[in-house]
Amino acid sequence: LVDEVLMCLNDANACCRAEALFCLSRIGAVGHVVCVSKAIKHLQDNDLKVRLAAVEALSRISSRRDSTVISALIAHLQGTVRKDPTRPGDPRNGPSGKYIDPGR
């Protein structure tokens, strides 16, 4: 079941990604390396609901005092997390999901 939820994290629909993170926070095992790394990656998502769902998931599935998670959350809070324009949810992505150069 976790594998199916992880696949939904790549969906172009932000609601689908947020719901997948919500599910992951409920069914993911604490400390599961893949689940935690996917949630950290979604801190970079351009959709606020997805980022909030990623924080919620990390609060539930990360191990206590996990330095990687703590560093990622601190970077997120300080605003040093850079958004990835290749990720779904970026307003510069066209309907096909391809990056549209804003200079054009």
PDB file of N, CA and C in Angstrom:
ATOM      1  N   LEU A   1       0.821  -1.194   0.000  1.00  0.00           N
ATOM      2  CA  LEU A   1       0.000   0.000   0.000  1.00  0.00           C
ATOM      3  C   LEU A   1       0.871   1.268   0.000  1.00  0.00           C
ATOM      4  N   VAL A   2       1.963   1.236   0.749  1.00  0.00           N
ATOM      5  CA  VAL A   2       2.843   2.400   0.807  1.00  0.00           C
ATOM      6  C   VAL A   2       3.396   2.721  -0.575  1.00  0.00           C
ATOM      7  N   ASP A   3       3.738   1.706  -1.356  1.00  0.00           N
ATOM      8  CA  ASP A   3       4.285   1.940  -2.698  1.00  0.00           C
ATOM      9  C   ASP A   3       3.283   2.671  -3.594  1.00  0.00           C
ATOM     10  N   GLU A   4       2.014   2.315  -3.491  1.00  0.00           N
ATOM     11  CA  GLU A   4       0.986   2.976  -4.298  1.00  0.00           C
ATOM     12  C   GLU A   4       0.838   4.441  -3.884  1.00  0.00           C
ATOM     13  N   VAL A   5       0.899   4.690  -2.592  1.00  0.00           N
ATOM     14  CA  VAL A   5       0.799   6.063  -2.099  1.00  0.00           C
ATOM     15  C   VAL A   5       2.006   6.874  -2.563  1.00  0.00           C
ATOM     16  N   LEU A   6       3.191   6.273  -2.506  1.00  0.00           N
ATOM     17  CA  LEU A   6       4.398   6.965  -2.952  1.00  0.00           C
ATOM     18  C   LEU A   6       4.311   7.344  -4.429  1.00  0.00           C
ATOM     19  N   MET A   7       3.688   6.500  -5.240  1.00  0.00           N
ATOM     20  CA  MET A   7       3.529   6.812  -6.665  1.00  0.00           C
ATOM     21  C   MET A   7       2.642   8.044  -6.857  1.00  0.00           C
ATOM     22  N   CYS A   8       1.662   8.240  -5.986  1.00  0.00           N
ATOM     23  CA  CYS A   8       0.762   9.391  -6.093  1.00  0.00           C
ATOM     24  C   CYS A   8       1.471  10.709  -5.803  1.00  0.00           C
ATOM     25  N   LEU A   9       2.637  10.649  -5.173  1.00  0.00           N
ATOM     26  CA  LEU A   9       3.382  11.872  -4.884  1.00  0.00           C
ATOM     27  C   LEU A   9       3.923  12.524  -6.147  1.00  0.00           C
ATOM     28  N   ASN A  10       3.924  11.806  -7.260  1.00  0.00           N
ATOM     29  CA  ASN A  10       4.406  12.351  -8.528  1.00  0.00           C
ATOM     30  C   ASN A  10       3.276  12.902  -9.394  1.00  0.00           C
ATOM     31  N   ASP A  11       2.059  12.876  -8.885  1.00  0.00           N
ATOM     32  CA  ASP A  11       0.907  13.336  -9.662  1.00  0.00           C
ATOM     33  C   ASP A  11       0.999  14.835  -9.934  1.00  0.00           C
ATOM     34  N   ALA A  12       0.524  15.256 -11.083  1.00  0.00           N
ATOM     35  CA  ALA A  12       0.542  16.679 -11.444  1.00  0.00           C
ATOM     36  C   ALA A  12      -0.453  17.484 -10.616  1.00  0.00           C
ATOM     37  N   ASN A  13      -1.458  16.829 -10.048  1.00  0.00           N
ATOM     38  CA  ASN A  13      -2.491  17.501  -9.262  1.00  0.00           C
ATOM     39  C   ASN A  13      -2.000  17.694  -7.822  1.00  0.00           C
ATOM     40  N   ALA A  14      -1.957  18.946  -7.383  1.00  0.00           N
ATOM     41  CA  ALA A  14      -1.473  19.259  -6.043  1.00  0.00           C
ATOM     42  C   ALA A  14      -2.330  18.607  -4.959  1.00  0.00           C
ATOM     43  N   CYS A  15      -3.638  18.542  -5.169  1.00  0.00           N
ATOM     44  CA  CYS A  15      -4.524  17.909  -4.175  1.00  0.00           C
ATOM     45  C   CYS A  15      -4.183  16.441  -4.006  1.00  0.00           C
ATOM     46  N   CYS A  16      -3.858  15.792  -5.105  1.00  0.00           N
ATOM     47  CA  CYS A  16      -3.485  14.375  -5.052  1.00  0.00           C
ATOM     48  C   CYS A  16      -2.184  14.194  -4.258  1.00  0.00           C
ATOM     49  N   ARG A  17      -1.215  15.078  -4.503  1.00  0.00           N
ATOM     50  CA  ARG A  17       0.058  14.995  -3.769  1.00  0.00           C
ATOM     51  C   ARG A  17      -0.161  15.248  -2.276  1.00  0.00           C
ATOM     52  N   ALA A  18      -0.987  16.230  -1.948  1.00  0.00           N
ATOM     53  CA  ALA A  18      -1.255  16.540  -0.541  1.00  0.00           C
ATOM     54  C   ALA A  18      -1.959  15.369   0.147  1.00  0.00           C
ATOM     55  N   GLU A  19      -2.942  14.783  -0.525  1.00  0.00           N
ATOM     56  CA  GLU A  19      -3.650  13.628   0.046  1.00  0.00           C
ATOM     57  C   GLU A  19      -2.719  12.426   0.208  1.00  0.00           C
ATOM     58  N   ALA A  20      -1.817  12.252  -0.742  1.00  0.00           N
ATOM     59  CA  ALA A  20      -0.855  11.146  -0.641  1.00  0.00           C
ATOM     60  C   ALA A  20       0.043  11.340   0.579  1.00  0.00           C
ATOM     61  N   LEU A  21       0.467  12.566   0.824  1.00  0.00           N
ATOM     62  CA  LEU A  21       1.282  12.834   2.013  1.00  0.00           C
ATOM     63  C   LEU A  21       0.475  12.619   3.285  1.00  0.00           C
ATOM     64  N   PHE A  22      -0.805  12.998   3.260  1.00  0.00           N
ATOM     65  CA  PHE A  22      -1.673  12.758   4.408  1.00  0.00           C
ATOM     66  C   PHE A  22      -1.763  11.258   4.685  1.00  0.00           C
ATOM     67  N   CYS A  23      -1.991  10.474   3.630  1.00  0.00           N
ATOM     68  CA  CYS A  23      -2.066   9.014   3.788  1.00  0.00           C
ATOM     69  C   CYS A  23      -0.743   8.454   4.306  1.00  0.00           C
ATOM     70  N   LEU A  24       0.331   8.962   3.757  1.00  0.00           N
ATOM     71  CA  LEU A  24       1.657   8.507   4.169  1.00  0.00           C
ATOM     72  C   LEU A  24       1.879   8.770   5.658  1.00  0.00           C
ATOM     73  N   SER A  25       1.374   9.902   6.129  1.00  0.00           N
ATOM     74  CA  SER A  25       1.540  10.220   7.548  1.00  0.00           C
ATOM     75  C   SER A  25       0.754   9.266   8.440  1.00  0.00           C
ATOM     76  N   ARG A  26      -0.249   8.617   7.874  1.00  0.00           N
ATOM     77  CA  ARG A  26      -1.073   7.681   8.647  1.00  0.00           C
ATOM     78  C   ARG A  26      -0.597   6.228   8.544  1.00  0.00           C
ATOM     79  N   ILE A  27      -0.035   5.858   7.383  1.00  0.00           N
ATOM     80  CA  ILE A  27       0.326   4.446   7.197  1.00  0.00           C
ATOM     81  C   ILE A  27       1.826   4.202   7.158  1.00  0.00           C
ATOM     82  N   GLY A  28       2.620   5.261   7.015  1.00  0.00           N
ATOM     83  CA  GLY A  28       4.074   5.093   6.934  1.00  0.00           C
ATOM     84  C   GLY A  28       4.658   4.721   8.289  1.00  0.00           C
ATOM     85  N   ALA A  29       5.617   3.822   8.272  1.00  0.00           N
ATOM     86  CA  ALA A  29       6.276   3.416   9.506  1.00  0.00           C
ATOM     87  C   ALA A  29       7.226   4.526   9.966  1.00  0.00           C
ATOM     88  N   VAL A  30       7.311   4.715  11.245  1.00  0.00           N
ATOM     89  CA  VAL A  30       8.218   5.720  11.799  1.00  0.00           C
ATOM     90  C   VAL A  30       9.649   5.366  11.403  1.00  0.00           C
ATOM     91  N   GLY A  31      10.328   6.348  10.822  1.00  0.00           N
ATOM     92  CA  GLY A  31      11.711   6.149  10.423  1.00  0.00           C
ATOM     93  C   GLY A  31      11.904   5.506   9.069  1.00  0.00           C
ATOM     94  N   HIS A  32      10.815   5.233   8.351  1.00  0.00           N
ATOM     95  CA  HIS A  32      10.916   4.622   7.019  1.00  0.00           C
ATOM     96  C   HIS A  32      11.669   5.604   6.109  1.00  0.00           C
ATOM     97  N   VAL A  33      12.872   5.211   5.694  1.00  0.00           N
ATOM     98  CA  VAL A  33      13.780   6.119   4.992  1.00  0.00           C
ATOM     99  C   VAL A  33      13.170   6.683   3.706  1.00  0.00           C
ATOM    100  N   VAL A  34      12.538   5.858   2.906  1.00  0.00           N
ATOM    101  CA  VAL A  34      11.970   6.323   1.640  1.00  0.00           C
ATOM    102  C   VAL A  34      10.825   7.295   1.894  1.00  0.00           C
ATOM    103  N   CYS A  35       9.951   6.967   2.820  1.00  0.00           N
ATOM    104  CA  CYS A  35       8.812   7.844   3.124  1.00  0.00           C
ATOM    105  C   CYS A  35       9.296   9.194   3.646  1.00  0.00           C
ATOM    106  N   VAL A  36      10.269   9.175   4.537  1.00  0.00           N
ATOM    107  CA  VAL A  36      10.794  10.410   5.098  1.00  0.00           C
ATOM    108  C   VAL A  36      11.464  11.249   4.012  1.00  0.00           C
ATOM    109  N   SER A  37      12.254  10.620   3.153  1.00  0.00           N
ATOM    110  CA  SER A  37      12.948  11.384   2.105  1.00  0.00           C
ATOM    111  C   SER A  37      11.963  11.977   1.095  1.00  0.00           C
ATOM    112  N   LYS A  38      10.894  11.246   0.773  1.00  0.00           N
ATOM    113  CA  LYS A  38       9.875  11.781  -0.138  1.00  0.00           C
ATOM    114  C   LYS A  38       9.154  12.972   0.497  1.00  0.00           C
ATOM    115  N   ALA A  39       8.867  12.880   1.793  1.00  0.00           N
ATOM    116  CA  ALA A  39       8.208  13.994   2.478  1.00  0.00           C
ATOM    117  C   ALA A  39       9.133  15.210   2.514  1.00  0.00           C
ATOM    118  N   ILE A  40      10.417  15.003   2.763  1.00  0.00           N
ATOM    119  CA  ILE A  40      11.379  16.110   2.752  1.00  0.00           C
ATOM    120  C   ILE A  40      11.415  16.753   1.377  1.00  0.00           C
ATOM    121  N   LYS A  41      11.420  15.939   0.335  1.00  0.00           N
ATOM    122  CA  LYS A  41      11.453  16.470  -1.025  1.00  0.00           C
ATOM    123  C   LYS A  41      10.246  17.366  -1.295  1.00  0.00           C
ATOM    124  N   HIS A  42       9.092  17.012  -0.728  1.00  0.00           N
ATOM    125  CA  HIS A  42       7.880  17.782  -0.987  1.00  0.00           C
ATOM    126  C   HIS A  42       7.796  19.069  -0.159  1.00  0.00           C
ATOM    127  N   LEU A  43       8.784  19.328   0.682  1.00  0.00           N
ATOM    128  CA  LEU A  43       8.885  20.647   1.303  1.00  0.00           C
ATOM    129  C   LEU A  43       9.202  21.691   0.243  1.00  0.00           C
ATOM    130  N   GLN A  44       9.710  21.245  -0.911  1.00  0.00           N
ATOM    131  CA  GLN A  44      10.058  22.136  -2.019  1.00  0.00           C
ATOM    132  C   GLN A  44       8.904  22.355  -2.987  1.00  0.00           C
ATOM    133  N   ASP A  45       7.802  21.672  -2.774  1.00  0.00           N
ATOM    134  CA  ASP A  45       6.680  21.794  -3.695  1.00  0.00           C
ATOM    135  C   ASP A  45       6.208  23.238  -3.743  1.00  0.00           C
ATOM    136  N   ASN A  46       5.706  23.657  -4.867  1.00  0.00           N
ATOM    137  CA  ASN A  46       5.244  25.034  -5.030  1.00  0.00           C
ATOM    138  C   ASN A  46       3.828  25.258  -4.521  1.00  0.00           C
ATOM    139  N   ASP A  47       3.147  24.198  -4.119  1.00  0.00           N
ATOM    140  CA  ASP A  47       1.792  24.338  -3.590  1.00  0.00           C
ATOM    141  C   ASP A  47       1.845  24.336  -2.059  1.00  0.00           C
ATOM    142  N   LEU A  48       1.252  25.329  -1.441  1.00  0.00           N
ATOM    143  CA  LEU A  48       1.281  25.473   0.012  1.00  0.00           C
ATOM    144  C   LEU A  48       0.676  24.263   0.718  1.00  0.00           C
ATOM    145  N   LYS A  49      -0.446  23.753   0.221  1.00  0.00           N
ATOM    146  CA  LYS A  49      -1.091  22.612   0.874  1.00  0.00           C
ATOM    147  C   LYS A  49      -0.194  21.380   0.858  1.00  0.00           C
ATOM    148  N   VAL A  50       0.555  21.205  -0.215  1.00  0.00           N
ATOM    149  CA  VAL A  50       1.477  20.067  -0.303  1.00  0.00           C
ATOM    150  C   VAL A  50       2.610  20.249   0.700  1.00  0.00           C
ATOM    151  N   ARG A  51       3.143  21.459   0.800  1.00  0.00           N
ATOM    152  CA  ARG A  51       4.225  21.708   1.759  1.00  0.00           C
ATOM    153  C   ARG A  51       3.744  21.479   3.188  1.00  0.00           C
ATOM    154  N   LEU A  52       2.535  21.940   3.503  1.00  0.00           N
ATOM    155  CA  LEU A  52       1.988  21.729   4.848  1.00  0.00           C
ATOM    156  C   LEU A  52       1.763  20.241   5.123  1.00  0.00           C
ATOM    157  N   ALA A  53       1.290  19.520   4.122  1.00  0.00           N
ATOM    158  CA  ALA A  53       1.091  18.073   4.273  1.00  0.00           C
ATOM    159  C   ALA A  53       2.430  17.368   4.486  1.00  0.00           C
ATOM    160  N   ALA A  54       3.479  17.872   3.838  1.00  0.00           N
ATOM    161  CA  ALA A  54       4.818  17.294   4.014  1.00  0.00           C
ATOM    162  C   ALA A  54       5.304  17.504   5.445  1.00  0.00           C
ATOM    163  N   VAL A  55       5.059  18.682   5.989  1.00  0.00           N
ATOM    164  CA  VAL A  55       5.448  18.959   7.380  1.00  0.00           C
ATOM    165  C   VAL A  55       4.683  18.044   8.327  1.00  0.00           C
ATOM    166  N   GLU A  56       3.384  17.904   8.081  1.00  0.00           N
ATOM    167  CA  GLU A  56       2.559  17.009   8.915  1.00  0.00           C
ATOM    168  C   GLU A  56       3.073  15.569   8.838  1.00  0.00           C
ATOM    169  N   ALA A  57       3.364  15.124   7.628  1.00  0.00           N
ATOM    170  CA  ALA A  57       3.871  13.755   7.462  1.00  0.00           C
ATOM    171  C   ALA A  57       5.192  13.574   8.206  1.00  0.00           C
ATOM    172  N   LEU A  58       6.071  14.546   8.080  1.00  0.00           N
ATOM    173  CA  LEU A  58       7.360  14.444   8.770  1.00  0.00           C
ATOM    174  C   LEU A  58       7.188  14.417  10.283  1.00  0.00           C
ATOM    175  N   SER A  59       6.206  15.144  10.784  1.00  0.00           N
ATOM    176  CA  SER A  59       5.985  15.148  12.234  1.00  0.00           C
ATOM    177  C   SER A  59       5.524  13.788  12.742  1.00  0.00           C
ATOM    178  N   ARG A  60       4.955  12.997  11.854  1.00  0.00           N
ATOM    179  CA  ARG A  60       4.432  11.692  12.260  1.00  0.00           C
ATOM    180  C   ARG A  60       5.351  10.517  11.927  1.00  0.00           C
ATOM    181  N   ILE A  61       6.090  10.597  10.821  1.00  0.00           N
ATOM    182  CA  ILE A  61       6.839   9.417  10.376  1.00  0.00           C
ATOM    183  C   ILE A  61       8.346   9.509  10.589  1.00  0.00           C
ATOM    184  N   SER A  62       8.849  10.675  10.969  1.00  0.00           N
ATOM    185  CA  SER A  62      10.295  10.762  11.177  1.00  0.00           C
ATOM    186  C   SER A  62      10.646  10.280  12.575  1.00  0.00           C
ATOM    187  N   SER A  63      11.851   9.758  12.677  1.00  0.00           N
ATOM    188  CA  SER A  63      12.344   9.331  13.985  1.00  0.00           C
ATOM    189  C   SER A  63      12.621  10.554  14.840  1.00  0.00           C
ATOM    190  N   ARG A  64      12.508  10.381  16.118  1.00  0.00           N
ATOM    191  CA  ARG A  64      12.779  11.476  17.038  1.00  0.00           C
ATOM    192  C   ARG A  64      14.237  11.902  16.895  1.00  0.00           C
ATOM    193  N   ARG A  65      14.457  13.176  16.858  1.00  0.00           N
ATOM    194  CA  ARG A  65      15.788  13.778  16.759  1.00  0.00           C
ATOM    195  C   ARG A  65      16.507  13.424  15.461  1.00  0.00           C
ATOM    196  N   ASP A  66      15.768  13.182  14.402  1.00  0.00           N
ATOM    197  CA  ASP A  66      16.364  12.901  13.085  1.00  0.00           C
ATOM    198  C   ASP A  66      16.978  14.202  12.570  1.00  0.00           C
ATOM    199  N   SER A  67      18.302  14.258  12.515  1.00  0.00           N
ATOM    200  CA  SER A  67      18.990  15.506  12.170  1.00  0.00           C
ATOM    201  C   SER A  67      18.703  15.946  10.736  1.00  0.00           C
ATOM    202  N   THR A  68      18.480  15.007   9.832  1.00  0.00           N
ATOM    203  CA  THR A  68      18.168  15.362   8.452  1.00  0.00           C
ATOM    204  C   THR A  68      16.817  16.072   8.373  1.00  0.00           C
ATOM    205  N   VAL A  69      15.841  15.544   9.071  1.00  0.00           N
ATOM    206  CA  VAL A  69      14.502  16.139   9.079  1.00  0.00           C
ATOM    207  C   VAL A  69      14.541  17.498   9.767  1.00  0.00           C
ATOM    208  N   ILE A  70      15.232  17.578  10.873  1.00  0.00           N
ATOM    209  CA  ILE A  70      15.326  18.843  11.602  1.00  0.00           C
ATOM    210  C   ILE A  70      15.977  19.914  10.726  1.00  0.00           C
ATOM    211  N   SER A  71      17.064  19.556  10.043  1.00  0.00           N
ATOM    212  CA  SER A  71      17.747  20.511   9.155  1.00  0.00           C
ATOM    213  C   SER A  71      16.835  20.956   8.015  1.00  0.00           C
ATOM    214  N   ALA A  72      16.092  20.013   7.446  1.00  0.00           N
ATOM    215  CA  ALA A  72      15.192  20.339   6.341  1.00  0.00           C
ATOM    216  C   ALA A  72      14.081  21.277   6.801  1.00  0.00           C
ATOM    217  N   LEU A  73      13.529  21.017   7.975  1.00  0.00           N
ATOM    218  CA  LEU A  73      12.462  21.874   8.496  1.00  0.00           C
ATOM    219  C   LEU A  73      12.978  23.265   8.858  1.00  0.00           C
ATOM    220  N   ILE A  74      14.170  23.337   9.424  1.00  0.00           N
ATOM    221  CA  ILE A  74      14.759  24.639   9.747  1.00  0.00           C
ATOM    222  C   ILE A  74      14.983  25.434   8.466  1.00  0.00           C
ATOM    223  N   ALA A  75      15.529  24.781   7.445  1.00  0.00           N
ATOM    224  CA  ALA A  75      15.752  25.458   6.161  1.00  0.00           C
ATOM    225  C   ALA A  75      14.429  25.950   5.584  1.00  0.00           C
ATOM    226  N   HIS A  76      13.387  25.138   5.722  1.00  0.00           N
ATOM    227  CA  HIS A  76      12.062  25.514   5.237  1.00  0.00           C
ATOM    228  C   HIS A  76      11.538  26.740   5.983  1.00  0.00           C
ATOM    229  N   LEU A  77      11.691  26.748   7.303  1.00  0.00           N
ATOM    230  CA  LEU A  77      11.211  27.864   8.113  1.00  0.00           C
ATOM    231  C   LEU A  77      11.999  29.147   7.852  1.00  0.00           C
ATOM    232  N   GLN A  78      13.285  28.998   7.582  1.00  0.00           N
ATOM    233  CA  GLN A  78      14.127  30.165   7.326  1.00  0.00           C
ATOM    234  C   GLN A  78      13.985  30.689   5.901  1.00  0.00           C
ATOM    235  N   GLY A  79      13.274  29.940   5.075  1.00  0.00           N
ATOM    236  CA  GLY A  79      13.073  30.371   3.704  1.00  0.00           C
ATOM    237  C   GLY A  79      14.249  30.087   2.795  1.00  0.00           C
ATOM    238  N   THR A  80      15.125  29.199   3.211  1.00  0.00           N
ATOM    239  CA  THR A  80      16.284  28.878   2.378  1.00  0.00           C
ATOM    240  C   THR A  80      16.046  27.670   1.484  1.00  0.00           C
ATOM    241  N   VAL A  81      14.841  27.101   1.547  1.00  0.00           N
ATOM    242  CA  VAL A  81      14.498  25.990   0.663  1.00  0.00           C
ATOM    243  C   VAL A  81      14.149  26.581  -0.690  1.00  0.00           C
ATOM    244  N   ARG A  82      14.834  26.139  -1.725  1.00  0.00           N
ATOM    245  CA  ARG A  82      14.581  26.654  -3.063  1.00  0.00           C
ATOM    246  C   ARG A  82      13.528  25.796  -3.740  1.00  0.00           C
ATOM    247  N   LYS A  83      12.596  26.437  -4.417  1.00  0.00           N
ATOM    248  CA  LYS A  83      11.566  25.721  -5.158  1.00  0.00           C
ATOM    249  C   LYS A  83      12.167  25.172  -6.444  1.00  0.00           C
ATOM    250  N   ASP A  84      11.788  23.981  -6.782  1.00  0.00           N
ATOM    251  CA  ASP A  84      12.291  23.304  -7.978  1.00  0.00           C
ATOM    252  C   ASP A  84      11.302  23.517  -9.119  1.00  0.00           C
ATOM    253  N   PRO A  85      11.704  24.262 -10.175  1.00  0.00           N
ATOM    254  CA  PRO A  85      10.751  24.548 -11.259  1.00  0.00           C
ATOM    255  C   PRO A  85      10.346  23.326 -12.068  1.00  0.00           C
ATOM    256  N   THR A  86      10.992  22.196 -11.869  1.00  0.00           N
ATOM    257  CA  THR A  86      10.600  20.986 -12.594  1.00  0.00           C
ATOM    258  C   THR A  86       9.531  20.208 -11.848  1.00  0.00           C
ATOM    259  N   ARG A  87       9.198  20.636 -10.641  1.00  0.00           N
ATOM    260  CA  ARG A  87       8.192  19.925  -9.842  1.00  0.00           C
ATOM    261  C   ARG A  87       6.797  20.312 -10.277  1.00  0.00           C
ATOM    262  N   PRO A  88       5.869  19.396 -10.214  1.00  0.00           N
ATOM    263  CA  PRO A  88       4.476  19.741 -10.482  1.00  0.00           C
ATOM    264  C   PRO A  88       4.017  20.800  -9.481  1.00  0.00           C
ATOM    265  N   GLY A  89       3.131  21.635  -9.931  1.00  0.00           N
ATOM    266  CA  GLY A  89       2.607  22.665  -9.054  1.00  0.00           C
ATOM    267  C   GLY A  89       3.259  24.017  -9.283  1.00  0.00           C
ATOM    268  N   ASP A  90       4.355  24.036 -10.021  1.00  0.00           N
ATOM    269  CA  ASP A  90       5.013  25.298 -10.320  1.00  0.00           C
ATOM    270  C   ASP A  90       4.173  26.039 -11.346  1.00  0.00           C
ATOM    271  N   PRO A  91       3.795  27.285 -11.078  1.00  0.00           N
ATOM    272  CA  PRO A  91       2.944  28.016 -12.021  1.00  0.00           C
ATOM    273  C   PRO A  91       3.623  28.235 -13.373  1.00  0.00           C
ATOM    274  N   ARG A  92       4.933  28.060 -13.438  1.00  0.00           N
ATOM    275  CA  ARG A  92       5.623  28.222 -14.711  1.00  0.00           C
ATOM    276  C   ARG A  92       5.553  26.959 -15.561  1.00  0.00           C
ATOM    277  N   ASN A  93       4.996  25.889 -15.011  1.00  0.00           N
ATOM    278  CA  ASN A  93       4.834  24.661 -15.781  1.00  0.00           C
ATOM    279  C   ASN A  93       3.560  24.742 -16.592  1.00  0.00           C
ATOM    280  N   GLY A  94       3.653  24.374 -17.839  1.00  0.00           N
ATOM    281  CA  GLY A  94       2.490  24.384 -18.711  1.00  0.00           C
ATOM    282  C   GLY A  94       1.607  23.177 -18.459  1.00  0.00           C
ATOM    283  N   PRO A  95       0.508  23.039 -19.192  1.00  0.00           N
ATOM    284  CA  PRO A  95      -0.414  21.939 -19.016  1.00  0.00           C
ATOM    285  C   PRO A  95       0.241  20.573 -19.249  1.00  0.00           C
ATOM    286  N   SER A  96       1.284  20.546 -20.059  1.00  0.00           N
ATOM    287  CA  SER A  96       1.961  19.266 -20.315  1.00  0.00           C
ATOM    288  C   SER A  96       2.949  18.934 -19.223  1.00  0.00           C
ATOM    289  N   GLY A  97       3.161  19.870 -18.277  1.00  0.00           N
ATOM    290  CA  GLY A  97       4.127  19.644 -17.217  1.00  0.00           C
ATOM    291  C   GLY A  97       5.524  20.103 -17.593  1.00  0.00           C
ATOM    292  N   LYS A  98       5.696  20.620 -18.815  1.00  0.00           N
ATOM    293  CA  LYS A  98       7.002  21.100 -19.246  1.00  0.00           C
ATOM    294  C   LYS A  98       7.222  22.509 -18.746  1.00  0.00           C
ATOM    295  N   TYR A  99       8.477  22.798 -18.421  1.00  0.00           N
ATOM    296  CA  TYR A  99       8.835  24.118 -17.896  1.00  0.00           C
ATOM    297  C   TYR A  99       8.691  25.167 -19.001  1.00  0.00           C
ATOM    298  N   ILE A 100       8.047  26.280 -18.643  1.00  0.00           N
ATOM    299  CA  ILE A 100       7.881  27.392 -19.574  1.00  0.00           C
ATOM    300  C   ILE A 100       8.811  28.505 -19.106  1.00  0.00           C
ATOM    301  N   ASP A 101       9.730  28.894 -19.945  1.00  0.00           N
ATOM    302  CA  ASP A 101      10.684  29.934 -19.594  1.00  0.00           C
ATOM    303  C   ASP A 101       9.945  31.266 -19.468  1.00  0.00           C
ATOM    304  N   PRO A 102      10.016  31.924 -18.281  1.00  0.00           N
ATOM    305  CA  PRO A 102       9.284  33.173 -18.092  1.00  0.00           C
ATOM    306  C   PRO A 102       9.822  34.295 -18.971  1.00  0.00           C
ATOM    307  N   GLY A 103      11.021  34.157 -19.546  1.00  0.00           N
ATOM    308  CA  GLY A 103      11.584  35.176 -20.401  1.00  0.00           C
ATOM    309  C   GLY A 103      11.012  35.165 -21.806  1.00  0.00           C
ATOM    310  N   ARG A 104      10.198  34.188 -22.106  1.00  0.00           N
ATOM    311  CA  ARG A 104       9.611  34.066 -23.457  1.00  0.00           C
ATOM    312  C   ARG A 104       8.325  34.812 -23.570  1.00  0.00           C
TER     313      ARG A 104
END
